[in-house]
Amino acid sequence: MRAFIEFVKSIEIWFYIVIGVVALLYSQKLFAALDAVRLATFRLEREIAVRQLRSSILTLMGLLGLAGVIFISITFVSPLIPWDGSLPTPTLDLLAVPTMTLEPTEELVLFPSEVTPTPSMDGNYCVEGILEWTFPVDGEEISGIIEARGSVNFPALGFYKYEYSQQGSDLWITISAGSQQVVDDRLGGAWNTTTVPSGNYSLRIVATDNDNNYLPPCTINVLISN
């Protein structure tokens, strides 16, 4: 179900364009039918015009309802549906440093010179304003439906995803993903924490550059209490 809604979301604009074009055509038929009803001289002629008018009205109502269903599904239903799978998570070499091949005249700075990221023993790489969580924060207690916020802000971003794992488990489940830079803003879809048992969990942001090189993840620990 989630995959279907994500697919619909990716082509949402085309649904609206097609619905708009069809609605325009039937609006013209509607006005033509109104004129035909008004100008009809014979009873049979008027009945035909009324049927055309009724058909145009029903079609326009159906198009409006379809547009409403698409909008509600993407805007309100999608955030409430938990992810039932995870994106492939590669095994990281914690001692390796991601490299990118650049032209000699270009310089790509992933982290400002005044910021010196200090990875923890488990390979975390949280850097304020670059790759970080702003909600929730490490050690925070959360419950219900949350809108995770943070920053994924560096040049040549390929994509990012944020995931959760029950502490002590190596299974990471993807909650949401994106490909646009984010600065202290929503990281994607909402997370309904009531779909998992209460307890201690880890959250992490995993990001790649546009050459598909993985950066060390930014990981925090939270307590879910529902």
N, C-alpha and C. Protein backbone atom coordinates (compact mmCIF):
# COMPACT_ATOMS: atom_id res chain seq x y z
N MET A 1 0.83 -1.20 0.00
CA MET A 1 0.00 0.00 0.00
C MET A 1 0.87 1.26 0.00
N ARG A 2 1.91 1.25 0.85
CA ARG A 2 2.79 2.41 0.93
C ARG A 2 3.49 2.64 -0.41
N ALA A 3 3.95 1.55 -1.04
CA ALA A 3 4.64 1.68 -2.32
C ALA A 3 3.70 2.26 -3.37
N PHE A 4 2.43 1.85 -3.35
CA PHE A 4 1.47 2.37 -4.33
C PHE A 4 1.25 3.87 -4.13
N ILE A 5 1.09 4.29 -2.86
CA ILE A 5 0.87 5.71 -2.59
C ILE A 5 2.09 6.53 -2.97
N GLU A 6 3.30 6.00 -2.71
CA GLU A 6 4.51 6.71 -3.10
C GLU A 6 4.59 6.85 -4.62
N PHE A 7 4.15 5.80 -5.35
CA PHE A 7 4.13 5.89 -6.80
C PHE A 7 3.15 6.96 -7.27
N VAL A 8 1.95 6.96 -6.69
CA VAL A 8 0.96 7.98 -7.04
C VAL A 8 1.50 9.37 -6.72
N LYS A 9 2.19 9.49 -5.58
CA LYS A 9 2.75 10.79 -5.18
C LYS A 9 3.78 11.28 -6.19
N SER A 10 4.56 10.35 -6.77
CA SER A 10 5.60 10.75 -7.71
C SER A 10 5.04 11.29 -9.02
N ILE A 11 3.80 10.88 -9.37
CA ILE A 11 3.19 11.37 -10.61
C ILE A 11 1.91 12.15 -10.31
N GLU A 12 1.84 12.69 -9.09
CA GLU A 12 0.63 13.40 -8.67
C GLU A 12 0.25 14.52 -9.63
N ILE A 13 1.24 15.31 -10.05
CA ILE A 13 0.96 16.47 -10.90
C ILE A 13 0.31 16.05 -12.21
N TRP A 14 0.72 14.87 -12.74
CA TRP A 14 0.14 14.42 -14.01
C TRP A 14 -1.31 13.99 -13.84
N PHE A 15 -1.64 13.44 -12.68
CA PHE A 15 -3.05 13.13 -12.41
C PHE A 15 -3.89 14.41 -12.48
N TYR A 16 -3.39 15.46 -11.84
CA TYR A 16 -4.15 16.71 -11.81
C TYR A 16 -4.25 17.34 -13.20
N ILE A 17 -3.19 17.22 -13.99
CA ILE A 17 -3.22 17.78 -15.35
C ILE A 17 -4.27 17.06 -16.19
N VAL A 18 -4.24 15.71 -16.14
CA VAL A 18 -5.21 14.93 -16.92
C VAL A 18 -6.64 15.22 -16.46
N ILE A 19 -6.84 15.25 -15.13
CA ILE A 19 -8.17 15.55 -14.60
C ILE A 19 -8.61 16.94 -15.02
N GLY A 20 -7.69 17.91 -15.01
CA GLY A 20 -8.03 19.27 -15.40
C GLY A 20 -8.44 19.37 -16.86
N VAL A 21 -7.70 18.65 -17.74
CA VAL A 21 -8.02 18.69 -19.18
C VAL A 21 -9.39 18.06 -19.43
N VAL A 22 -9.64 16.89 -18.81
CA VAL A 22 -10.93 16.23 -19.00
C VAL A 22 -12.06 17.09 -18.42
N ALA A 23 -11.81 17.72 -17.27
CA ALA A 23 -12.83 18.58 -16.66
C ALA A 23 -13.14 19.77 -17.56
N LEU A 24 -12.11 20.32 -18.23
CA LEU A 24 -12.34 21.44 -19.14
C LEU A 24 -13.23 21.02 -20.31
N LEU A 25 -12.97 19.84 -20.86
CA LEU A 25 -13.78 19.36 -21.98
C LEU A 25 -15.24 19.16 -21.56
N TYR A 26 -15.44 18.57 -20.39
CA TYR A 26 -16.81 18.33 -19.95
C TYR A 26 -17.49 19.61 -19.47
N SER A 27 -16.71 20.60 -19.07
CA SER A 27 -17.30 21.90 -18.74
C SER A 27 -17.88 22.54 -19.99
N GLN A 28 -17.15 22.40 -21.11
CA GLN A 28 -17.66 22.92 -22.38
C GLN A 28 -18.95 22.19 -22.77
N LYS A 29 -18.95 20.85 -22.57
CA LYS A 29 -20.17 20.09 -22.87
C LYS A 29 -21.31 20.52 -21.96
N LEU A 30 -20.99 20.83 -20.70
CA LEU A 30 -22.01 21.26 -19.75
C LEU A 30 -22.68 22.55 -20.21
N PHE A 31 -21.87 23.52 -20.59
CA PHE A 31 -22.44 24.80 -21.04
C PHE A 31 -23.21 24.63 -22.35
N ALA A 32 -22.69 23.76 -23.23
CA ALA A 32 -23.40 23.51 -24.48
C ALA A 32 -24.75 22.86 -24.20
N ALA A 33 -24.79 21.93 -23.24
CA ALA A 33 -26.05 21.27 -22.88
C ALA A 33 -27.02 22.26 -22.25
N LEU A 34 -26.52 23.19 -21.44
CA LEU A 34 -27.38 24.22 -20.85
C LEU A 34 -28.03 25.08 -21.93
N ASP A 35 -27.21 25.45 -22.92
CA ASP A 35 -27.77 26.23 -24.03
C ASP A 35 -28.81 25.42 -24.80
N ALA A 36 -28.51 24.11 -24.99
CA ALA A 36 -29.45 23.27 -25.74
C ALA A 36 -30.77 23.14 -24.99
N VAL A 37 -30.71 23.00 -23.66
CA VAL A 37 -31.94 22.92 -22.86
C VAL A 37 -32.73 24.21 -22.97
N ARG A 38 -32.03 25.32 -22.91
CA ARG A 38 -32.70 26.62 -22.94
C ARG A 38 -33.34 26.90 -24.30
N LEU A 39 -32.67 26.42 -25.37
CA LEU A 39 -33.16 26.74 -26.72
C LEU A 39 -34.02 25.63 -27.32
N ALA A 40 -34.16 24.50 -26.60
CA ALA A 40 -34.91 23.37 -27.16
C ALA A 40 -36.36 23.77 -27.43
N THR A 41 -36.83 23.34 -28.60
CA THR A 41 -38.21 23.66 -29.00
C THR A 41 -39.12 22.45 -28.80
N PHE A 42 -38.60 21.28 -29.13
CA PHE A 42 -39.40 20.07 -29.05
C PHE A 42 -39.06 19.28 -27.79
N ARG A 43 -40.03 18.50 -27.34
CA ARG A 43 -39.86 17.73 -26.10
C ARG A 43 -38.70 16.74 -26.20
N LEU A 44 -38.61 15.99 -27.32
CA LEU A 44 -37.54 15.02 -27.50
C LEU A 44 -36.18 15.70 -27.51
N GLU A 45 -36.12 16.83 -28.17
CA GLU A 45 -34.87 17.59 -28.23
C GLU A 45 -34.45 18.03 -26.83
N ARG A 46 -35.42 18.44 -26.03
CA ARG A 46 -35.13 18.88 -24.66
C ARG A 46 -34.67 17.70 -23.78
N GLU A 47 -35.30 16.52 -23.96
CA GLU A 47 -34.91 15.35 -23.18
C GLU A 47 -33.47 14.94 -23.47
N ILE A 48 -33.10 14.98 -24.74
CA ILE A 48 -31.71 14.64 -25.12
C ILE A 48 -30.74 15.62 -24.48
N ALA A 49 -31.09 16.91 -24.52
CA ALA A 49 -30.22 17.93 -23.95
C ALA A 49 -30.09 17.76 -22.44
N VAL A 50 -31.20 17.39 -21.78
CA VAL A 50 -31.16 17.17 -20.32
C VAL A 50 -30.27 15.98 -19.98
N ARG A 51 -30.35 14.90 -20.78
CA ARG A 51 -29.48 13.74 -20.54
C ARG A 51 -28.01 14.12 -20.69
N GLN A 52 -27.71 14.92 -21.70
CA GLN A 52 -26.33 15.37 -21.89
C GLN A 52 -25.88 16.24 -20.72
N LEU A 53 -26.78 17.08 -20.24
CA LEU A 53 -26.47 17.94 -19.10
C LEU A 53 -26.19 17.10 -17.85
N ARG A 54 -27.07 16.11 -17.61
CA ARG A 54 -26.90 15.25 -16.43
C ARG A 54 -25.58 14.47 -16.52
N SER A 55 -25.26 13.96 -17.71
CA SER A 55 -24.02 13.20 -17.89
C SER A 55 -22.79 14.07 -17.63
N SER A 56 -22.83 15.31 -18.10
CA SER A 56 -21.70 16.22 -17.89
C SER A 56 -21.53 16.54 -16.41
N ILE A 57 -22.64 16.76 -15.70
CA ILE A 57 -22.57 17.08 -14.27
C ILE A 57 -22.00 15.90 -13.48
N LEU A 58 -22.48 14.68 -13.77
CA LEU A 58 -21.99 13.50 -13.06
C LEU A 58 -20.50 13.27 -13.32
N THR A 59 -20.09 13.48 -14.57
CA THR A 59 -18.67 13.29 -14.90
C THR A 59 -17.79 14.29 -14.16
N LEU A 60 -18.22 15.56 -14.13
CA LEU A 60 -17.45 16.58 -13.41
C LEU A 60 -17.39 16.28 -11.92
N MET A 61 -18.50 15.80 -11.36
CA MET A 61 -18.49 15.43 -9.94
C MET A 61 -17.54 14.26 -9.68
N GLY A 62 -17.53 13.30 -10.59
CA GLY A 62 -16.61 12.17 -10.45
C GLY A 62 -15.15 12.59 -10.51
N LEU A 63 -14.84 13.52 -11.45
CA LEU A 63 -13.47 14.03 -11.55
C LEU A 63 -13.07 14.78 -10.30
N LEU A 64 -14.00 15.58 -9.77
CA LEU A 64 -13.71 16.31 -8.53
C LEU A 64 -13.47 15.34 -7.38
N GLY A 65 -14.29 14.29 -7.31
CA GLY A 65 -14.10 13.29 -6.25
C GLY A 65 -12.77 12.56 -6.38
N LEU A 66 -12.38 12.23 -7.62
CA LEU A 66 -11.10 11.55 -7.84
C LEU A 66 -9.94 12.42 -7.41
N ALA A 67 -10.00 13.71 -7.78
CA ALA A 67 -8.94 14.64 -7.36
C ALA A 67 -8.88 14.74 -5.85
N GLY A 68 -10.06 14.75 -5.20
CA GLY A 68 -10.10 14.82 -3.74
C GLY A 68 -9.49 13.58 -3.09
N VAL A 69 -9.79 12.41 -3.64
CA VAL A 69 -9.24 11.16 -3.10
C VAL A 69 -7.71 11.15 -3.22
N ILE A 70 -7.20 11.58 -4.38
CA ILE A 70 -5.75 11.62 -4.57
C ILE A 70 -5.10 12.58 -3.58
N PHE A 71 -5.69 13.77 -3.43
CA PHE A 71 -5.13 14.78 -2.52
C PHE A 71 -5.13 14.28 -1.08
N ILE A 72 -6.25 13.72 -0.63
CA ILE A 72 -6.35 13.25 0.76
C ILE A 72 -5.40 12.08 1.00
N SER A 73 -5.29 11.16 0.03
CA SER A 73 -4.41 10.00 0.19
C SER A 73 -2.96 10.42 0.35
N ILE A 74 -2.53 11.40 -0.47
CA ILE A 74 -1.13 11.82 -0.44
C ILE A 74 -0.84 12.71 0.75
N THR A 75 -1.78 13.62 1.08
CA THR A 75 -1.52 14.61 2.11
C THR A 75 -1.77 14.09 3.52
N PHE A 76 -2.83 13.31 3.71
CA PHE A 76 -3.23 12.92 5.06
C PHE A 76 -3.03 11.43 5.36
N VAL A 77 -3.26 10.57 4.37
CA VAL A 77 -3.18 9.13 4.62
C VAL A 77 -1.73 8.64 4.56
N SER A 78 -0.97 9.13 3.57
CA SER A 78 0.41 8.65 3.39
C SER A 78 1.27 8.74 4.64
N PRO A 79 1.25 9.88 5.40
CA PRO A 79 2.11 9.94 6.59
C PRO A 79 1.74 8.93 7.67
N LEU A 80 0.50 8.40 7.64
CA LEU A 80 0.05 7.48 8.70
C LEU A 80 0.37 6.03 8.39
N ILE A 81 0.81 5.74 7.16
CA ILE A 81 1.09 4.36 6.78
C ILE A 81 2.57 4.09 7.02
N PRO A 82 2.90 3.14 7.91
CA PRO A 82 4.31 2.86 8.21
C PRO A 82 4.98 2.15 7.04
N TRP A 83 6.26 2.37 6.92
CA TRP A 83 7.04 1.61 5.93
C TRP A 83 7.11 0.16 6.37
N ASP A 84 6.90 -0.76 5.44
CA ASP A 84 6.95 -2.17 5.78
C ASP A 84 8.20 -2.85 5.26
N GLY A 85 9.14 -2.07 4.87
CA GLY A 85 10.40 -2.64 4.39
C GLY A 85 11.50 -1.63 4.53
N SER A 86 12.69 -2.01 4.16
CA SER A 86 13.82 -1.11 4.27
C SER A 86 14.56 -1.05 2.96
N LEU A 87 15.16 0.11 2.71
CA LEU A 87 16.00 0.24 1.55
C LEU A 87 17.32 -0.47 1.82
N PRO A 88 18.01 -0.92 0.77
CA PRO A 88 19.27 -1.61 1.00
C PRO A 88 20.24 -0.73 1.76
N THR A 89 20.82 -1.27 2.82
CA THR A 89 21.78 -0.52 3.62
C THR A 89 23.13 -1.20 3.50
N PRO A 90 24.08 -0.58 2.81
CA PRO A 90 25.38 -1.21 2.61
C PRO A 90 26.16 -1.30 3.91
N THR A 91 27.09 -2.26 3.97
CA THR A 91 27.99 -2.36 5.11
C THR A 91 29.09 -1.34 4.95
N LEU A 92 29.21 -0.44 5.91
CA LEU A 92 30.18 0.63 5.82
C LEU A 92 31.52 0.21 6.40
N ASP A 93 32.58 0.63 5.76
CA ASP A 93 33.92 0.50 6.32
C ASP A 93 34.15 1.72 7.17
N LEU A 94 34.12 1.54 8.50
CA LEU A 94 34.18 2.69 9.40
C LEU A 94 35.50 3.42 9.33
N LEU A 95 36.55 2.75 8.82
CA LEU A 95 37.85 3.40 8.72
C LEU A 95 38.06 4.08 7.38
N ALA A 96 37.14 3.82 6.45
CA ALA A 96 37.30 4.42 5.13
C ALA A 96 36.73 5.82 5.11
N VAL A 97 37.33 6.68 4.31
CA VAL A 97 36.87 8.06 4.15
C VAL A 97 36.26 8.18 2.76
N PRO A 98 34.99 8.61 2.64
CA PRO A 98 34.37 8.76 1.33
C PRO A 98 35.19 9.68 0.44
N THR A 99 35.38 9.30 -0.82
CA THR A 99 36.15 10.10 -1.75
C THR A 99 35.30 10.44 -2.95
N MET A 100 35.59 11.58 -3.54
CA MET A 100 34.88 12.02 -4.74
C MET A 100 35.90 12.54 -5.74
N THR A 101 35.73 12.21 -7.00
CA THR A 101 36.64 12.66 -8.04
C THR A 101 36.14 13.97 -8.60
N LEU A 102 36.94 15.02 -8.49
CA LEU A 102 36.56 16.35 -8.94
C LEU A 102 37.55 16.85 -9.97
N GLU A 103 37.11 17.81 -10.78
CA GLU A 103 38.01 18.48 -11.70
C GLU A 103 39.06 19.24 -10.91
N PRO A 104 40.27 19.37 -11.43
CA PRO A 104 41.33 20.06 -10.68
C PRO A 104 40.98 21.47 -10.28
N THR A 105 40.13 22.14 -11.08
CA THR A 105 39.82 23.54 -10.78
C THR A 105 38.65 23.68 -9.83
N GLU A 106 38.03 22.55 -9.44
CA GLU A 106 36.88 22.63 -8.57
C GLU A 106 37.24 22.17 -7.17
N GLU A 107 36.56 22.75 -6.20
CA GLU A 107 36.77 22.34 -4.82
C GLU A 107 35.42 22.14 -4.17
N LEU A 108 35.19 20.96 -3.68
CA LEU A 108 33.92 20.64 -3.04
C LEU A 108 34.14 20.49 -1.55
N VAL A 109 33.43 21.29 -0.77
CA VAL A 109 33.59 21.28 0.68
C VAL A 109 32.34 20.68 1.29
N LEU A 110 32.45 19.49 1.86
CA LEU A 110 31.31 18.87 2.51
C LEU A 110 31.06 19.48 3.87
N PHE A 111 32.11 19.88 4.57
CA PHE A 111 31.98 20.45 5.89
C PHE A 111 32.77 21.76 5.94
N PRO A 112 32.19 22.85 6.47
CA PRO A 112 32.90 24.11 6.58
C PRO A 112 34.19 23.94 7.35
N SER A 113 35.21 24.79 7.01
CA SER A 113 36.52 24.66 7.63
C SER A 113 36.47 24.90 9.12
N GLU A 114 35.50 25.75 9.58
CA GLU A 114 35.45 26.03 11.00
C GLU A 114 34.76 24.93 11.79
N VAL A 115 34.16 23.92 11.09
CA VAL A 115 33.49 22.81 11.77
C VAL A 115 34.35 21.56 11.63
N THR A 116 34.76 20.99 12.71
CA THR A 116 35.55 19.76 12.68
C THR A 116 34.70 18.62 13.19
N PRO A 117 34.12 17.82 12.30
CA PRO A 117 33.26 16.72 12.75
C PRO A 117 34.06 15.70 13.54
N THR A 118 33.50 15.29 14.65
CA THR A 118 34.17 14.32 15.51
C THR A 118 33.34 13.04 15.57
N PRO A 119 33.71 12.03 14.80
CA PRO A 119 32.93 10.79 14.82
C PRO A 119 33.09 10.09 16.15
N SER A 120 31.99 9.47 16.61
CA SER A 120 32.05 8.70 17.85
C SER A 120 32.61 7.31 17.55
N MET A 121 32.71 6.48 18.59
CA MET A 121 33.31 5.17 18.43
C MET A 121 32.51 4.28 17.49
N ASP A 122 31.19 4.54 17.38
CA ASP A 122 30.38 3.69 16.50
C ASP A 122 30.23 4.28 15.12
N GLY A 123 31.01 5.29 14.79
CA GLY A 123 31.02 5.82 13.44
C GLY A 123 30.02 6.92 13.19
N ASN A 124 29.39 7.48 14.22
CA ASN A 124 28.44 8.56 14.01
C ASN A 124 29.15 9.79 13.47
N TYR A 125 28.46 10.54 12.65
CA TYR A 125 29.08 11.70 12.03
C TYR A 125 28.07 12.84 12.01
N CYS A 126 27.60 13.26 13.17
CA CYS A 126 26.62 14.33 13.26
C CYS A 126 27.34 15.67 13.31
N VAL A 127 27.00 16.57 12.39
CA VAL A 127 27.63 17.89 12.33
C VAL A 127 26.53 18.93 12.25
N GLU A 128 26.55 19.90 13.14
CA GLU A 128 25.50 20.91 13.21
C GLU A 128 25.35 21.64 11.87
N GLY A 129 24.11 21.69 11.37
CA GLY A 129 23.81 22.39 10.13
C GLY A 129 24.18 21.63 8.88
N ILE A 130 24.88 20.51 9.02
CA ILE A 130 25.32 19.74 7.86
C ILE A 130 24.61 18.39 7.82
N LEU A 131 24.82 17.60 8.86
CA LEU A 131 24.17 16.30 8.98
C LEU A 131 23.83 16.11 10.45
N GLU A 132 22.57 16.38 10.80
CA GLU A 132 22.20 16.38 12.22
C GLU A 132 20.70 16.14 12.40
N TRP A 133 20.35 15.77 13.64
CA TRP A 133 18.96 15.69 14.08
C TRP A 133 18.64 16.93 14.91
N THR A 134 17.48 17.55 14.65
CA THR A 134 17.01 18.63 15.52
C THR A 134 15.76 18.22 16.28
N PHE A 135 15.02 17.25 15.77
CA PHE A 135 13.93 16.61 16.52
C PHE A 135 13.67 15.23 15.95
N PRO A 136 13.68 14.21 16.79
CA PRO A 136 14.06 14.26 18.20
C PRO A 136 15.58 14.41 18.34
N VAL A 137 16.03 14.66 19.55
CA VAL A 137 17.46 14.73 19.81
C VAL A 137 17.87 13.51 20.63
N ASP A 138 19.15 13.30 20.74
CA ASP A 138 19.66 12.12 21.43
C ASP A 138 19.15 12.05 22.87
N GLY A 139 18.59 10.90 23.23
CA GLY A 139 18.09 10.68 24.57
C GLY A 139 16.66 11.13 24.81
N GLU A 140 16.00 11.68 23.78
CA GLU A 140 14.64 12.21 23.96
C GLU A 140 13.61 11.08 24.01
N GLU A 141 12.53 11.32 24.75
CA GLU A 141 11.41 10.38 24.83
C GLU A 141 10.33 10.84 23.86
N ILE A 142 9.84 9.95 23.01
CA ILE A 142 8.85 10.30 21.99
C ILE A 142 7.69 9.32 22.05
N SER A 143 6.56 9.73 21.45
CA SER A 143 5.39 8.86 21.40
C SER A 143 4.47 9.35 20.29
N GLY A 144 3.52 8.51 19.89
CA GLY A 144 2.53 8.89 18.88
C GLY A 144 3.16 9.09 17.52
N ILE A 145 2.57 10.00 16.75
CA ILE A 145 3.05 10.31 15.40
C ILE A 145 3.98 11.51 15.49
N ILE A 146 5.19 11.37 14.97
CA ILE A 146 6.17 12.46 15.03
C ILE A 146 6.58 12.87 13.62
N GLU A 147 6.98 14.13 13.50
CA GLU A 147 7.56 14.66 12.27
C GLU A 147 9.05 14.89 12.53
N ALA A 148 9.88 13.97 12.09
CA ALA A 148 11.31 14.08 12.33
C ALA A 148 11.88 15.28 11.57
N ARG A 149 12.79 16.01 12.23
CA ARG A 149 13.41 17.19 11.63
C ARG A 149 14.93 17.07 11.76
N GLY A 150 15.61 17.72 10.85
CA GLY A 150 17.06 17.71 10.91
C GLY A 150 17.65 18.44 9.72
N SER A 151 18.94 18.23 9.50
CA SER A 151 19.65 18.87 8.38
C SER A 151 20.42 17.82 7.60
N VAL A 152 20.28 17.89 6.29
CA VAL A 152 21.13 17.14 5.35
C VAL A 152 21.53 18.16 4.31
N ASN A 153 22.65 18.81 4.54
CA ASN A 153 22.95 20.03 3.80
C ASN A 153 24.42 20.05 3.40
N PHE A 154 24.71 19.47 2.24
CA PHE A 154 26.06 19.57 1.71
C PHE A 154 25.98 19.47 0.19
N PRO A 155 26.98 20.03 -0.53
CA PRO A 155 26.96 20.00 -1.99
C PRO A 155 27.01 18.57 -2.52
N ALA A 156 26.50 18.41 -3.73
CA ALA A 156 26.55 17.12 -4.43
C ALA A 156 25.78 16.02 -3.70
N LEU A 157 24.71 16.40 -2.98
CA LEU A 157 23.88 15.40 -2.30
C LEU A 157 23.22 14.50 -3.34
N GLY A 158 23.36 13.18 -3.12
CA GLY A 158 22.66 12.23 -3.99
C GLY A 158 21.28 11.94 -3.45
N PHE A 159 21.21 11.28 -2.29
CA PHE A 159 19.94 11.08 -1.61
C PHE A 159 20.24 10.79 -0.14
N TYR A 160 19.19 10.83 0.66
CA TYR A 160 19.33 10.48 2.07
C TYR A 160 18.10 9.68 2.50
N LYS A 161 18.23 9.00 3.61
CA LYS A 161 17.10 8.29 4.21
C LYS A 161 17.28 8.31 5.72
N TYR A 162 16.16 8.24 6.43
CA TYR A 162 16.31 8.09 7.88
C TYR A 162 15.60 6.82 8.31
N GLU A 163 16.23 6.12 9.27
CA GLU A 163 15.84 4.76 9.61
C GLU A 163 15.77 4.60 11.13
N TYR A 164 15.12 3.53 11.55
CA TYR A 164 15.12 3.21 12.98
C TYR A 164 15.50 1.75 13.18
N SER A 165 16.00 1.47 14.37
CA SER A 165 16.35 0.10 14.73
C SER A 165 16.19 -0.04 16.24
N GLN A 166 15.66 -1.16 16.67
CA GLN A 166 15.58 -1.43 18.10
C GLN A 166 17.00 -1.68 18.60
N GLN A 167 17.34 -1.04 19.72
CA GLN A 167 18.70 -1.16 20.22
C GLN A 167 19.05 -2.62 20.47
N GLY A 168 20.23 -3.01 20.00
CA GLY A 168 20.66 -4.39 20.09
C GLY A 168 20.39 -5.19 18.83
N SER A 169 19.66 -4.57 17.87
CA SER A 169 19.34 -5.25 16.62
C SER A 169 20.13 -4.61 15.48
N ASP A 170 20.51 -5.42 14.49
CA ASP A 170 21.21 -4.92 13.31
C ASP A 170 20.25 -4.64 12.16
N LEU A 171 18.95 -4.81 12.39
CA LEU A 171 17.95 -4.58 11.34
C LEU A 171 17.51 -3.13 11.36
N TRP A 172 17.79 -2.40 10.28
CA TRP A 172 17.39 -1.00 10.15
C TRP A 172 16.21 -0.91 9.19
N ILE A 173 15.16 -0.24 9.62
CA ILE A 173 13.94 -0.08 8.83
C ILE A 173 13.84 1.37 8.37
N THR A 174 13.70 1.57 7.07
CA THR A 174 13.62 2.92 6.53
C THR A 174 12.25 3.53 6.82
N ILE A 175 12.25 4.75 7.30
CA ILE A 175 11.02 5.49 7.57
C ILE A 175 10.67 6.38 6.39
N SER A 176 11.65 7.12 5.88
CA SER A 176 11.40 8.01 4.76
C SER A 176 12.73 8.31 4.08
N ALA A 177 12.65 8.90 2.89
CA ALA A 177 13.85 9.22 2.12
C ALA A 177 13.61 10.48 1.31
N GLY A 178 14.69 11.08 0.83
CA GLY A 178 14.57 12.29 0.02
C GLY A 178 15.84 12.54 -0.76
N SER A 179 15.80 13.53 -1.65
CA SER A 179 16.97 13.86 -2.47
C SER A 179 17.26 15.36 -2.49
N GLN A 180 16.49 16.16 -1.73
CA GLN A 180 16.70 17.60 -1.67
C GLN A 180 17.40 17.97 -0.37
N GLN A 181 18.26 18.99 -0.44
CA GLN A 181 18.93 19.44 0.77
C GLN A 181 17.92 19.98 1.77
N VAL A 182 18.15 19.69 3.06
CA VAL A 182 17.24 20.08 4.14
C VAL A 182 18.05 20.77 5.22
N VAL A 183 17.54 21.90 5.73
CA VAL A 183 18.19 22.61 6.83
C VAL A 183 17.16 22.81 7.93
N ASP A 184 17.30 22.09 9.02
CA ASP A 184 16.39 22.15 10.16
C ASP A 184 14.94 22.12 9.70
N ASP A 185 14.59 21.11 8.93
CA ASP A 185 13.24 20.99 8.37
C ASP A 185 12.85 19.52 8.39
N ARG A 186 11.62 19.24 7.94
CA ARG A 186 11.14 17.87 7.90
C ARG A 186 12.05 16.99 7.06
N LEU A 187 12.32 15.80 7.55
CA LEU A 187 13.17 14.85 6.83
C LEU A 187 12.36 13.96 5.90
N GLY A 188 11.04 14.14 5.88
CA GLY A 188 10.19 13.32 5.01
C GLY A 188 8.87 13.03 5.68
N GLY A 189 8.34 11.84 5.43
CA GLY A 189 7.05 11.46 5.97
C GLY A 189 7.06 11.31 7.48
N ALA A 190 5.87 11.39 8.06
CA ALA A 190 5.73 11.23 9.51
C ALA A 190 5.97 9.78 9.91
N TRP A 191 6.31 9.57 11.18
CA TRP A 191 6.54 8.23 11.71
C TRP A 191 5.55 7.96 12.82
N ASN A 192 4.74 6.93 12.63
CA ASN A 192 3.77 6.53 13.64
C ASN A 192 4.45 5.54 14.58
N THR A 193 4.90 6.03 15.73
CA THR A 193 5.66 5.18 16.65
C THR A 193 4.80 4.12 17.33
N THR A 194 3.47 4.25 17.21
CA THR A 194 2.60 3.25 17.84
C THR A 194 2.65 1.91 17.11
N THR A 195 3.30 1.87 15.93
CA THR A 195 3.41 0.62 15.18
C THR A 195 4.54 -0.26 15.69
N VAL A 196 5.34 0.25 16.64
CA VAL A 196 6.42 -0.55 17.20
C VAL A 196 6.26 -0.62 18.71
N PRO A 197 6.78 -1.65 19.36
CA PRO A 197 6.68 -1.75 20.82
C PRO A 197 7.46 -0.63 21.50
N SER A 198 7.01 -0.22 22.67
CA SER A 198 7.74 0.78 23.44
C SER A 198 9.11 0.21 23.82
N GLY A 199 10.09 1.11 23.93
CA GLY A 199 11.44 0.67 24.29
C GLY A 199 12.49 1.62 23.75
N ASN A 200 13.73 1.19 23.82
CA ASN A 200 14.86 1.99 23.37
C ASN A 200 15.15 1.70 21.90
N TYR A 201 15.27 2.78 21.12
CA TYR A 201 15.51 2.66 19.68
C TYR A 201 16.63 3.60 19.26
N SER A 202 17.22 3.29 18.12
CA SER A 202 18.20 4.18 17.50
C SER A 202 17.62 4.73 16.21
N LEU A 203 17.90 5.99 15.93
CA LEU A 203 17.52 6.63 14.67
C LEU A 203 18.80 7.08 13.98
N ARG A 204 18.84 6.95 12.68
CA ARG A 204 20.03 7.43 11.98
C ARG A 204 19.66 8.03 10.63
N ILE A 205 20.46 9.00 10.21
CA ILE A 205 20.36 9.59 8.87
C ILE A 205 21.53 9.06 8.06
N VAL A 206 21.22 8.46 6.91
CA VAL A 206 22.25 7.94 6.00
C VAL A 206 22.18 8.76 4.72
N ALA A 207 23.32 9.31 4.28
CA ALA A 207 23.33 10.16 3.09
C ALA A 207 24.42 9.71 2.12
N THR A 208 24.18 9.96 0.83
CA THR A 208 25.19 9.67 -0.19
C THR A 208 25.42 10.93 -1.02
N ASP A 209 26.58 10.99 -1.68
CA ASP A 209 26.79 12.06 -2.65
C ASP A 209 26.27 11.58 -4.01
N ASN A 210 26.42 12.44 -5.02
CA ASN A 210 25.84 12.06 -6.32
C ASN A 210 26.68 11.03 -7.08
N ASP A 211 27.78 10.58 -6.47
CA ASP A 211 28.52 9.44 -7.01
C ASP A 211 28.21 8.16 -6.25
N ASN A 212 27.18 8.24 -5.39
CA ASN A 212 26.71 7.10 -4.59
C ASN A 212 27.73 6.65 -3.55
N ASN A 213 28.56 7.58 -3.08
CA ASN A 213 29.45 7.30 -1.96
C ASN A 213 28.70 7.58 -0.66
N TYR A 214 28.70 6.63 0.26
CA TYR A 214 27.98 6.77 1.52
C TYR A 214 28.82 7.50 2.55
N LEU A 215 28.21 8.49 3.20
CA LEU A 215 28.84 9.14 4.34
C LEU A 215 28.52 8.36 5.61
N PRO A 216 29.39 8.41 6.61
CA PRO A 216 29.05 7.77 7.89
C PRO A 216 27.75 8.34 8.43
N PRO A 217 26.88 7.51 8.99
CA PRO A 217 25.55 7.98 9.41
C PRO A 217 25.59 8.80 10.69
N CYS A 218 24.59 9.67 10.82
CA CYS A 218 24.38 10.43 12.06
C CYS A 218 23.31 9.68 12.86
N THR A 219 23.69 9.16 14.02
CA THR A 219 22.82 8.27 14.80
C THR A 219 22.53 8.84 16.17
N ILE A 220 21.28 8.72 16.62
CA ILE A 220 20.89 9.12 17.97
C ILE A 220 20.08 7.99 18.60
N ASN A 221 19.93 8.04 19.90
CA ASN A 221 19.12 7.06 20.64
C ASN A 221 17.90 7.75 21.24
N VAL A 222 16.74 7.10 21.15
CA VAL A 222 15.50 7.66 21.70
C VAL A 222 14.77 6.58 22.48
N LEU A 223 13.84 7.04 23.31
CA LEU A 223 12.97 6.13 24.06
C LEU A 223 11.54 6.32 23.57
N ILE A 224 10.91 5.25 23.09
CA ILE A 224 9.52 5.30 22.64
C ILE A 224 8.63 4.83 23.78
N SER A 225 7.67 5.68 24.17
CA SER A 225 6.74 5.36 25.25
C SER A 225 5.32 5.59 24.77
N ASN A 226 4.62 4.53 24.45
CA ASN A 226 3.23 4.63 23.98
C ASN A 226 2.30 3.88 24.94
